[in-house]
Amino acid sequence: MPFALSVLALFGCARERPMDDTLPLLAQLRQQQLAENSQLQLQYLGEEITLPSDQEQLLHQFLAQKDPTRITLISGPSKQTNVLESARLASLRLNKLSQLLAPRAIELEPHYDPMQSPNQLLIKVLPPKTEDHISAQPETPPR
């Protein structure tokens, strides 16, 4: 009996090798998932409207690596105690950042989130928009 179990263990439970064409597909799906979930977190200094040069450099490296068509810019509040002044500063920051990124031809979605940490900027890479093409029938000219 022990001999039969060892033979079954050696030959009966042979593993089937995975198909070679599934590995590239899995790698592609993983890369797509990483691209869709990509984000970068940056910090402003004090009440500055522009990012520090090292943070701006990180932003450009991130965008060059991801090459996105759409991103969301989420600005947190400043350390101001006045809520309106904090929101105004966040708006100025988003406008300045939009001007900086305009040459890249990226679709930007700026947002203000008062729940973010003070002076924080979050950049999220979004998947390209898929336009729903409704198959329109050609109109017949009026007679």
N, C-alpha and C. Protein backbone atom coordinates (compact mmCIF):
# COMPACT_ATOMS: atom_id res chain seq x y z
N MET A 1 0.81 -1.20 0.00
CA MET A 1 0.00 0.00 0.00
C MET A 1 0.86 1.27 0.00
N PRO A 2 1.92 1.37 0.83
CA PRO A 2 2.74 2.57 0.80
C PRO A 2 3.39 2.78 -0.57
N PHE A 3 3.74 1.69 -1.24
CA PHE A 3 4.33 1.81 -2.57
C PHE A 3 3.35 2.45 -3.54
N ALA A 4 2.07 2.04 -3.48
CA ALA A 4 1.05 2.58 -4.38
C ALA A 4 0.84 4.07 -4.13
N LEU A 5 0.88 4.47 -2.87
CA LEU A 5 0.71 5.90 -2.57
C LEU A 5 1.87 6.72 -3.09
N SER A 6 3.07 6.18 -2.97
CA SER A 6 4.22 6.94 -3.47
C SER A 6 4.21 7.03 -4.99
N VAL A 7 3.75 5.96 -5.67
CA VAL A 7 3.65 6.00 -7.13
C VAL A 7 2.59 7.03 -7.55
N LEU A 8 1.46 7.03 -6.86
CA LEU A 8 0.41 8.01 -7.16
C LEU A 8 0.91 9.43 -6.89
N ALA A 9 1.65 9.57 -5.83
CA ALA A 9 2.17 10.89 -5.51
C ALA A 9 3.14 11.37 -6.58
N LEU A 10 3.92 10.47 -7.13
CA LEU A 10 4.90 10.86 -8.15
C LEU A 10 4.28 11.05 -9.52
N PHE A 11 3.40 10.16 -9.91
CA PHE A 11 2.89 10.20 -11.28
C PHE A 11 1.45 10.66 -11.40
N GLY A 12 0.64 10.36 -10.44
CA GLY A 12 -0.77 10.69 -10.54
C GLY A 12 -1.09 12.14 -10.28
N CYS A 13 -0.24 12.82 -9.59
CA CYS A 13 -0.50 14.21 -9.25
C CYS A 13 0.39 15.16 -10.04
N ALA A 14 0.76 14.76 -11.21
CA ALA A 14 1.63 15.62 -12.03
C ALA A 14 0.90 16.92 -12.34
N ARG A 15 1.64 18.00 -12.19
CA ARG A 15 1.06 19.32 -12.43
C ARG A 15 1.08 19.65 -13.90
N GLU A 16 0.00 20.20 -14.36
CA GLU A 16 -0.05 20.64 -15.74
C GLU A 16 0.59 22.02 -15.83
N ARG A 17 1.44 22.21 -16.80
CA ARG A 17 2.10 23.49 -16.95
C ARG A 17 1.11 24.53 -17.46
N PRO A 18 1.21 25.77 -16.96
CA PRO A 18 0.29 26.79 -17.44
C PRO A 18 0.57 27.10 -18.91
N MET A 19 -0.47 27.48 -19.58
CA MET A 19 -0.33 27.82 -20.99
C MET A 19 0.53 29.07 -21.12
N ASP A 20 1.41 29.06 -22.08
CA ASP A 20 2.34 30.16 -22.26
C ASP A 20 1.65 31.46 -22.65
N ASP A 21 0.52 31.40 -23.34
CA ASP A 21 -0.13 32.62 -23.80
C ASP A 21 -0.89 33.35 -22.70
N THR A 22 -1.09 32.74 -21.55
CA THR A 22 -1.80 33.43 -20.46
C THR A 22 -0.88 34.35 -19.67
N LEU A 23 0.42 34.04 -19.64
CA LEU A 23 1.34 34.87 -18.87
C LEU A 23 1.44 36.29 -19.41
N PRO A 24 1.59 36.50 -20.71
CA PRO A 24 1.60 37.89 -21.21
C PRO A 24 0.28 38.61 -20.95
N LEU A 25 -0.82 37.88 -21.04
CA LEU A 25 -2.11 38.49 -20.78
C LEU A 25 -2.22 38.94 -19.34
N LEU A 26 -1.76 38.10 -18.41
CA LEU A 26 -1.77 38.47 -16.99
C LEU A 26 -0.86 39.67 -16.73
N ALA A 27 0.29 39.69 -17.36
CA ALA A 27 1.21 40.82 -17.20
C ALA A 27 0.58 42.10 -17.72
N GLN A 28 -0.11 42.00 -18.84
CA GLN A 28 -0.77 43.18 -19.42
C GLN A 28 -1.89 43.67 -18.50
N LEU A 29 -2.67 42.76 -17.96
CA LEU A 29 -3.74 43.14 -17.04
C LEU A 29 -3.18 43.79 -15.78
N ARG A 30 -2.07 43.25 -15.27
CA ARG A 30 -1.44 43.82 -14.08
C ARG A 30 -0.93 45.22 -14.37
N GLN A 31 -0.32 45.40 -15.53
CA GLN A 31 0.19 46.73 -15.90
C GLN A 31 -0.97 47.72 -16.04
N GLN A 32 -2.06 47.28 -16.61
CA GLN A 32 -3.24 48.14 -16.76
C GLN A 32 -3.80 48.50 -15.39
N GLN A 33 -3.84 47.53 -14.49
CA GLN A 33 -4.34 47.79 -13.15
C GLN A 33 -3.46 48.80 -12.43
N LEU A 34 -2.15 48.65 -12.54
CA LEU A 34 -1.23 49.60 -11.92
C LEU A 34 -1.40 50.99 -12.50
N ALA A 35 -1.60 51.06 -13.81
CA ALA A 35 -1.77 52.36 -14.45
C ALA A 35 -3.06 53.03 -13.99
N GLU A 36 -4.10 52.22 -13.82
CA GLU A 36 -5.38 52.79 -13.40
C GLU A 36 -5.34 53.24 -11.94
N ASN A 37 -4.56 52.59 -11.14
CA ASN A 37 -4.50 52.92 -9.72
C ASN A 37 -3.34 53.84 -9.37
N SER A 38 -2.63 54.31 -10.36
CA SER A 38 -1.45 55.13 -10.11
C SER A 38 -1.83 56.47 -9.50
N GLN A 39 -1.06 56.84 -8.52
CA GLN A 39 -1.25 58.16 -7.92
C GLN A 39 0.07 58.64 -7.34
N LEU A 40 0.15 59.95 -7.20
CA LEU A 40 1.33 60.59 -6.66
C LEU A 40 0.88 61.62 -5.64
N GLN A 41 1.55 61.65 -4.52
CA GLN A 41 1.22 62.59 -3.46
C GLN A 41 2.37 63.58 -3.32
N LEU A 42 2.05 64.88 -3.39
CA LEU A 42 3.05 65.94 -3.27
C LEU A 42 2.65 66.91 -2.17
N GLN A 43 3.60 67.72 -1.73
CA GLN A 43 3.36 68.68 -0.64
C GLN A 43 3.77 70.09 -1.07
N TYR A 44 2.92 71.06 -0.78
CA TYR A 44 3.27 72.47 -0.93
C TYR A 44 3.95 72.93 0.35
N LEU A 45 4.78 73.93 0.22
CA LEU A 45 5.44 74.52 1.38
C LEU A 45 4.67 75.77 1.80
N GLY A 46 4.28 75.82 3.04
CA GLY A 46 3.61 77.01 3.58
C GLY A 46 2.41 77.42 2.76
N GLU A 47 2.40 78.71 2.42
CA GLU A 47 1.28 79.28 1.66
C GLU A 47 1.65 79.50 0.19
N GLU A 48 2.67 78.79 -0.29
CA GLU A 48 3.12 78.93 -1.68
C GLU A 48 2.04 78.45 -2.64
N ILE A 49 2.00 79.08 -3.81
CA ILE A 49 1.05 78.70 -4.85
C ILE A 49 1.66 77.66 -5.79
N THR A 50 2.97 77.71 -5.94
CA THR A 50 3.65 76.75 -6.81
C THR A 50 4.31 75.65 -5.98
N LEU A 51 4.48 74.52 -6.60
CA LEU A 51 5.15 73.40 -5.94
C LEU A 51 6.64 73.69 -5.81
N PRO A 52 7.28 73.20 -4.77
CA PRO A 52 8.74 73.31 -4.69
C PRO A 52 9.37 72.61 -5.90
N SER A 53 10.56 73.04 -6.30
CA SER A 53 11.17 72.51 -7.54
C SER A 53 11.36 70.99 -7.49
N ASP A 54 11.72 70.44 -6.34
CA ASP A 54 11.90 68.98 -6.28
C ASP A 54 10.57 68.25 -6.44
N GLN A 55 9.49 68.83 -5.90
CA GLN A 55 8.16 68.22 -6.05
C GLN A 55 7.68 68.33 -7.50
N GLU A 56 7.97 69.46 -8.13
CA GLU A 56 7.59 69.65 -9.54
C GLU A 56 8.35 68.66 -10.42
N GLN A 57 9.60 68.43 -10.11
CA GLN A 57 10.40 67.46 -10.86
C GLN A 57 9.83 66.05 -10.71
N LEU A 58 9.41 65.69 -9.50
CA LEU A 58 8.77 64.40 -9.27
C LEU A 58 7.49 64.27 -10.09
N LEU A 59 6.73 65.34 -10.17
CA LEU A 59 5.50 65.35 -10.95
C LEU A 59 5.79 65.07 -12.41
N HIS A 60 6.78 65.76 -12.98
CA HIS A 60 7.11 65.56 -14.38
C HIS A 60 7.65 64.15 -14.65
N GLN A 61 8.42 63.61 -13.74
CA GLN A 61 8.92 62.24 -13.88
C GLN A 61 7.77 61.24 -13.84
N PHE A 62 6.84 61.47 -12.92
CA PHE A 62 5.67 60.60 -12.78
C PHE A 62 4.85 60.62 -14.07
N LEU A 63 4.60 61.81 -14.60
CA LEU A 63 3.79 61.93 -15.82
C LEU A 63 4.52 61.34 -17.02
N ALA A 64 5.82 61.49 -17.08
CA ALA A 64 6.59 60.91 -18.19
C ALA A 64 6.55 59.39 -18.13
N GLN A 65 6.58 58.85 -16.93
CA GLN A 65 6.56 57.39 -16.76
C GLN A 65 5.18 56.83 -17.10
N LYS A 66 4.13 57.49 -16.66
CA LYS A 66 2.78 56.97 -16.84
C LYS A 66 2.17 57.35 -18.19
N ASP A 67 2.59 58.49 -18.74
CA ASP A 67 2.07 59.01 -20.00
C ASP A 67 0.53 58.96 -20.04
N PRO A 68 -0.11 59.62 -19.07
CA PRO A 68 -1.58 59.55 -18.99
C PRO A 68 -2.26 60.49 -19.99
N THR A 69 -3.51 60.19 -20.28
CA THR A 69 -4.33 61.09 -21.08
C THR A 69 -5.27 61.88 -20.18
N ARG A 70 -5.54 61.35 -19.00
CA ARG A 70 -6.42 62.02 -18.03
C ARG A 70 -5.85 61.87 -16.63
N ILE A 71 -5.90 62.97 -15.87
CA ILE A 71 -5.52 62.91 -14.46
C ILE A 71 -6.48 63.76 -13.64
N THR A 72 -6.59 63.39 -12.39
CA THR A 72 -7.34 64.19 -11.43
C THR A 72 -6.33 64.85 -10.50
N LEU A 73 -6.49 66.14 -10.30
CA LEU A 73 -5.67 66.91 -9.37
C LEU A 73 -6.55 67.19 -8.16
N ILE A 74 -6.14 66.73 -7.00
CA ILE A 74 -6.94 66.93 -5.79
C ILE A 74 -6.09 67.73 -4.81
N SER A 75 -6.52 68.94 -4.57
CA SER A 75 -5.79 69.82 -3.67
C SER A 75 -6.48 69.84 -2.31
N GLY A 76 -5.66 69.71 -1.28
CA GLY A 76 -6.17 69.81 0.07
C GLY A 76 -6.18 71.26 0.53
N PRO A 77 -6.66 71.52 1.71
CA PRO A 77 -6.68 72.89 2.24
C PRO A 77 -5.27 73.34 2.60
N SER A 78 -5.13 74.63 2.82
CA SER A 78 -3.86 75.12 3.34
C SER A 78 -3.95 75.07 4.86
N LYS A 79 -2.93 75.56 5.52
CA LYS A 79 -2.96 75.56 6.98
C LYS A 79 -3.68 76.79 7.53
N GLN A 80 -4.31 77.54 6.65
CA GLN A 80 -5.10 78.71 7.06
C GLN A 80 -6.24 78.26 7.97
N THR A 81 -6.56 79.08 8.94
CA THR A 81 -7.71 78.77 9.79
C THR A 81 -9.00 79.27 9.15
N ASN A 82 -8.88 80.25 8.27
CA ASN A 82 -10.03 80.77 7.55
C ASN A 82 -10.35 79.81 6.40
N VAL A 83 -11.54 79.20 6.46
CA VAL A 83 -11.93 78.19 5.48
C VAL A 83 -11.98 78.76 4.07
N LEU A 84 -12.52 79.97 3.92
CA LEU A 84 -12.63 80.58 2.58
C LEU A 84 -11.25 80.90 2.02
N GLU A 85 -10.36 81.40 2.84
CA GLU A 85 -9.00 81.71 2.38
C GLU A 85 -8.27 80.42 1.99
N SER A 86 -8.49 79.37 2.73
CA SER A 86 -7.87 78.08 2.44
C SER A 86 -8.36 77.54 1.09
N ALA A 87 -9.65 77.63 0.84
CA ALA A 87 -10.22 77.17 -0.42
C ALA A 87 -9.74 78.04 -1.58
N ARG A 88 -9.60 79.35 -1.36
CA ARG A 88 -9.10 80.25 -2.40
C ARG A 88 -7.67 79.89 -2.78
N LEU A 89 -6.85 79.61 -1.79
CA LEU A 89 -5.46 79.23 -2.04
C LEU A 89 -5.40 77.90 -2.80
N ALA A 90 -6.24 76.95 -2.45
CA ALA A 90 -6.29 75.67 -3.17
C ALA A 90 -6.68 75.90 -4.62
N SER A 91 -7.62 76.80 -4.86
CA SER A 91 -8.05 77.12 -6.22
C SER A 91 -6.90 77.75 -7.02
N LEU A 92 -6.17 78.66 -6.39
CA LEU A 92 -5.02 79.27 -7.06
C LEU A 92 -3.97 78.22 -7.41
N ARG A 93 -3.74 77.30 -6.50
CA ARG A 93 -2.78 76.23 -6.73
C ARG A 93 -3.21 75.35 -7.90
N LEU A 94 -4.48 74.99 -7.94
CA LEU A 94 -4.98 74.16 -9.03
C LEU A 94 -4.89 74.88 -10.36
N ASN A 95 -5.19 76.18 -10.37
CA ASN A 95 -5.07 76.96 -11.61
C ASN A 95 -3.62 77.02 -12.08
N LYS A 96 -2.70 77.26 -11.17
CA LYS A 96 -1.28 77.33 -11.51
C LYS A 96 -0.79 75.99 -12.05
N LEU A 97 -1.20 74.91 -11.41
CA LEU A 97 -0.82 73.58 -11.85
C LEU A 97 -1.42 73.26 -13.22
N SER A 98 -2.64 73.68 -13.46
CA SER A 98 -3.27 73.48 -14.77
C SER A 98 -2.49 74.20 -15.86
N GLN A 99 -2.03 75.41 -15.57
CA GLN A 99 -1.21 76.16 -16.53
C GLN A 99 0.11 75.44 -16.79
N LEU A 100 0.70 74.89 -15.75
CA LEU A 100 1.97 74.18 -15.87
C LEU A 100 1.83 72.93 -16.74
N LEU A 101 0.70 72.24 -16.61
CA LEU A 101 0.50 70.98 -17.32
C LEU A 101 -0.18 71.14 -18.67
N ALA A 102 -0.63 72.33 -19.01
CA ALA A 102 -1.34 72.57 -20.27
C ALA A 102 -0.55 72.10 -21.50
N PRO A 103 0.76 72.33 -21.58
CA PRO A 103 1.50 71.87 -22.77
C PRO A 103 1.52 70.35 -22.95
N ARG A 104 1.24 69.61 -21.92
CA ARG A 104 1.26 68.14 -22.02
C ARG A 104 0.00 67.57 -22.66
N ALA A 105 -1.00 68.38 -22.89
CA ALA A 105 -2.26 67.94 -23.51
C ALA A 105 -2.89 66.79 -22.74
N ILE A 106 -2.92 66.94 -21.43
CA ILE A 106 -3.55 65.96 -20.55
C ILE A 106 -4.90 66.54 -20.13
N GLU A 107 -5.91 65.72 -20.15
CA GLU A 107 -7.22 66.16 -19.67
C GLU A 107 -7.15 66.21 -18.14
N LEU A 108 -7.39 67.40 -17.59
CA LEU A 108 -7.27 67.60 -16.15
C LEU A 108 -8.64 67.71 -15.50
N GLU A 109 -8.76 67.13 -14.34
CA GLU A 109 -9.96 67.24 -13.54
C GLU A 109 -9.55 67.76 -12.16
N PRO A 110 -9.53 69.09 -11.99
CA PRO A 110 -9.12 69.64 -10.69
C PRO A 110 -10.25 69.58 -9.67
N HIS A 111 -9.89 69.23 -8.44
CA HIS A 111 -10.86 69.15 -7.35
C HIS A 111 -10.24 69.70 -6.07
N TYR A 112 -11.09 70.28 -5.26
CA TYR A 112 -10.69 70.71 -3.92
C TYR A 112 -11.32 69.75 -2.93
N ASP A 113 -10.51 69.19 -2.05
CA ASP A 113 -11.02 68.27 -1.04
C ASP A 113 -10.58 68.76 0.33
N PRO A 114 -11.49 69.36 1.08
CA PRO A 114 -11.11 69.88 2.40
C PRO A 114 -10.72 68.79 3.40
N MET A 115 -10.97 67.53 3.06
CA MET A 115 -10.63 66.43 3.96
C MET A 115 -9.18 65.94 3.76
N GLN A 116 -8.52 66.41 2.72
CA GLN A 116 -7.11 66.05 2.50
C GLN A 116 -6.26 66.69 3.59
N SER A 117 -5.06 66.20 3.74
CA SER A 117 -4.10 66.80 4.67
C SER A 117 -3.75 68.20 4.19
N PRO A 118 -3.43 69.11 5.12
CA PRO A 118 -3.07 70.48 4.71
C PRO A 118 -1.87 70.49 3.76
N ASN A 119 -1.95 71.36 2.76
CA ASN A 119 -0.91 71.58 1.75
C ASN A 119 -0.59 70.34 0.93
N GLN A 120 -1.49 69.41 0.84
CA GLN A 120 -1.27 68.18 0.09
C GLN A 120 -1.89 68.28 -1.30
N LEU A 121 -1.20 67.71 -2.27
CA LEU A 121 -1.71 67.60 -3.63
C LEU A 121 -1.66 66.12 -4.00
N LEU A 122 -2.76 65.59 -4.47
CA LEU A 122 -2.83 64.20 -4.88
C LEU A 122 -3.13 64.17 -6.38
N ILE A 123 -2.30 63.45 -7.13
CA ILE A 123 -2.50 63.30 -8.57
C ILE A 123 -2.85 61.86 -8.84
N LYS A 124 -4.00 61.65 -9.48
CA LYS A 124 -4.44 60.29 -9.80
C LYS A 124 -4.51 60.15 -11.31
N VAL A 125 -3.91 59.09 -11.83
CA VAL A 125 -4.00 58.79 -13.25
C VAL A 125 -5.31 58.06 -13.48
N LEU A 126 -6.07 58.55 -14.43
CA LEU A 126 -7.36 57.95 -14.76
C LEU A 126 -7.26 57.21 -16.09
N PRO A 127 -8.08 56.18 -16.27
CA PRO A 127 -8.08 55.50 -17.57
C PRO A 127 -8.67 56.43 -18.63
N PRO A 128 -8.27 56.25 -19.89
CA PRO A 128 -8.84 57.08 -20.95
C PRO A 128 -10.35 56.92 -21.01
N LYS A 129 -11.01 58.00 -21.37
CA LYS A 129 -12.46 57.92 -21.50
C LYS A 129 -12.80 57.06 -22.70
N THR A 130 -13.79 56.21 -22.53
CA THR A 130 -14.28 55.43 -23.65
C THR A 130 -15.62 56.02 -24.04
N GLU A 131 -15.63 56.53 -25.23
CA GLU A 131 -16.86 57.15 -25.70
C GLU A 131 -17.78 56.06 -26.22
N ASP A 132 -19.02 56.15 -25.79
CA ASP A 132 -20.01 55.19 -26.26
C ASP A 132 -20.47 55.62 -27.65
N HIS A 133 -20.10 54.82 -28.61
CA HIS A 133 -20.51 55.12 -29.98
C HIS A 133 -21.83 54.42 -30.25
N ILE A 134 -22.84 55.20 -30.42
CA ILE A 134 -24.16 54.66 -30.75
C ILE A 134 -24.23 54.60 -32.27
N SER A 135 -24.50 53.44 -32.76
CA SER A 135 -24.54 53.31 -34.22
C SER A 135 -25.76 54.05 -34.75
N ALA A 136 -25.46 55.19 -35.30
CA ALA A 136 -26.52 56.03 -35.85
C ALA A 136 -26.78 55.61 -37.27
N GLN A 137 -28.04 55.50 -37.60
CA GLN A 137 -28.39 55.16 -38.97
C GLN A 137 -28.35 56.45 -39.79
N PRO A 138 -27.86 56.35 -41.02
CA PRO A 138 -27.81 57.56 -41.83
C PRO A 138 -29.20 58.09 -42.08
N GLU A 139 -29.28 59.41 -41.96
CA GLU A 139 -30.59 60.04 -42.19
C GLU A 139 -30.90 60.04 -43.69
N THR A 140 -32.15 59.82 -43.98
CA THR A 140 -32.55 59.91 -45.39
C THR A 140 -32.96 61.34 -45.65
N PRO A 141 -32.47 61.89 -46.75
CA PRO A 141 -32.81 63.28 -47.05
C PRO A 141 -34.31 63.42 -47.30
N PRO A 142 -34.87 64.54 -46.87
CA PRO A 142 -36.31 64.75 -47.10
C PRO A 142 -36.59 64.85 -48.59
N ARG A 143 -37.77 64.37 -49.01
CA ARG A 143 -38.14 64.40 -50.44
C ARG A 143 -39.08 65.51 -50.75
